[in-house]
Every structure is written in structure tokens, then in C-alpha cells.
Amino acid sequence: MDTNKMREQRAEADARVLKYLQGCLGSTAWAMSGAVRLSREDVSKACQRLKRKGLVATSPTQTTYWQAVKP
């Protein structure tokens, strides 16, 4: 496996998910998967990476609902 290609794919997935979340109030990974054309698993992984970077967070009342962090 080409690690550079994998890194680029992850960065692209992260960018697509973040852009989607910034344009709406929030979403579940399952609902986002259709909008960003990624599998639910890939969306979940992207959300976890973005969470570690402080760019998204889960809803305080529903842990499966992702929201972009407002600057």
C-alpha cells in the first residue's frame, strides 16, 4: 500500500466531511455518508480525526450527532 495515497485519501475525506458539517447544523455519520459519497465507516473515521484536531464535536445530548465547532 502506498502510504502517501492513503494519507491523501484521508485528507480528502476529512475535508469533505468538515465542509459538509460547516454547511449544516450537524448530522450523523450515516446521514452524511450519502451526502459526501463515502461509506459510513469512512465518515466515522474522518469525524474522529477531526474531533482530535478540535474541528468537530459530538452533540452534548446525542453522541452519534456530529457538529462543526464554531471558531
Protein backbone atom coordinates (compact mmCIF):
# COMPACT_ATOMS: atom_id res chain seq x y z
CA MET A 1 0.00 0.00 0.00
CA ASP A 2 1.13 3.48 -0.82
CA THR A 3 1.02 5.43 2.42
CA ASN A 4 1.08 8.78 0.63
CA LYS A 5 -2.01 7.83 -1.36
CA MET A 6 -3.76 6.67 1.80
CA ARG A 7 -2.83 9.92 3.55
CA GLU A 8 -4.23 11.93 0.63
CA GLN A 9 -7.47 9.92 0.67
CA ARG A 10 -7.87 10.53 4.41
CA ALA A 11 -7.21 14.26 3.97
CA GLU A 12 -9.78 14.43 1.17
CA ALA A 13 -12.36 12.57 3.27
CA ASP A 14 -11.70 14.88 6.23
CA ALA A 15 -12.13 17.95 4.02
CA ARG A 16 -15.40 16.69 2.54
CA VAL A 17 -16.85 15.85 5.94
CA LEU A 18 -15.76 19.14 7.51
CA LYS A 19 -17.16 21.17 4.60
CA TYR A 20 -20.48 19.34 4.91
CA LEU A 21 -20.69 19.90 8.66
CA GLN A 22 -19.82 23.58 8.34
CA GLY A 23 -22.74 23.99 5.95
CA CYS A 24 -25.38 22.48 8.22
CA LEU A 25 -26.32 22.33 11.89
CA GLY A 26 -24.98 18.80 12.28
CA SER A 27 -25.53 15.24 11.17
CA THR A 28 -24.99 11.59 11.90
CA ALA A 29 -22.30 9.63 10.09
CA TRP A 30 -24.97 7.54 8.39
CA ALA A 31 -26.78 10.60 7.02
CA MET A 32 -23.51 12.25 5.94
CA SER A 33 -22.34 9.18 4.07
CA GLY A 34 -24.78 9.77 1.22
CA ALA A 35 -24.08 13.48 1.02
CA VAL A 36 -20.28 13.18 0.91
CA ARG A 37 -20.23 9.92 -1.08
CA LEU A 38 -18.22 7.92 1.46
CA SER A 39 -19.05 4.82 3.46
CA ARG A 40 -20.44 5.33 6.94
CA GLU A 41 -17.27 3.79 8.36
CA ASP A 42 -15.05 6.24 6.48
CA VAL A 43 -17.21 9.17 7.61
CA SER A 44 -16.97 7.99 11.23
CA LYS A 45 -13.19 7.71 10.98
CA ALA A 46 -12.98 11.19 9.44
CA CYS A 47 -15.13 12.59 12.25
CA GLN A 48 -12.85 11.02 14.86
CA ARG A 49 -9.77 12.53 13.20
CA LEU A 50 -11.46 15.94 13.00
CA LYS A 51 -12.52 15.61 16.64
CA ARG A 52 -8.90 15.06 17.69
CA LYS A 53 -7.98 18.23 15.77
CA GLY A 54 -10.72 20.16 17.58
CA LEU A 55 -12.70 20.92 14.41
CA VAL A 56 -15.85 18.90 15.18
CA ALA A 57 -17.58 17.66 18.30
CA THR A 58 -20.48 15.44 19.18
CA SER A 59 -23.73 16.91 20.36
CA PRO A 60 -23.95 17.21 24.17
CA THR A 61 -27.24 15.29 24.13
CA GLN A 62 -26.62 12.72 21.38
CA THR A 63 -23.15 11.23 20.94
CA THR A 64 -23.81 9.99 17.40
CA TYR A 65 -24.66 13.51 16.15
CA TRP A 66 -21.64 15.44 14.84
CA GLN A 67 -21.37 19.22 14.67
CA ALA A 68 -18.66 21.57 13.41
CA VAL A 69 -17.00 23.58 16.17
CA LYS A 70 -17.68 27.29 15.76
CA PRO A 71 -14.49 29.41 15.85
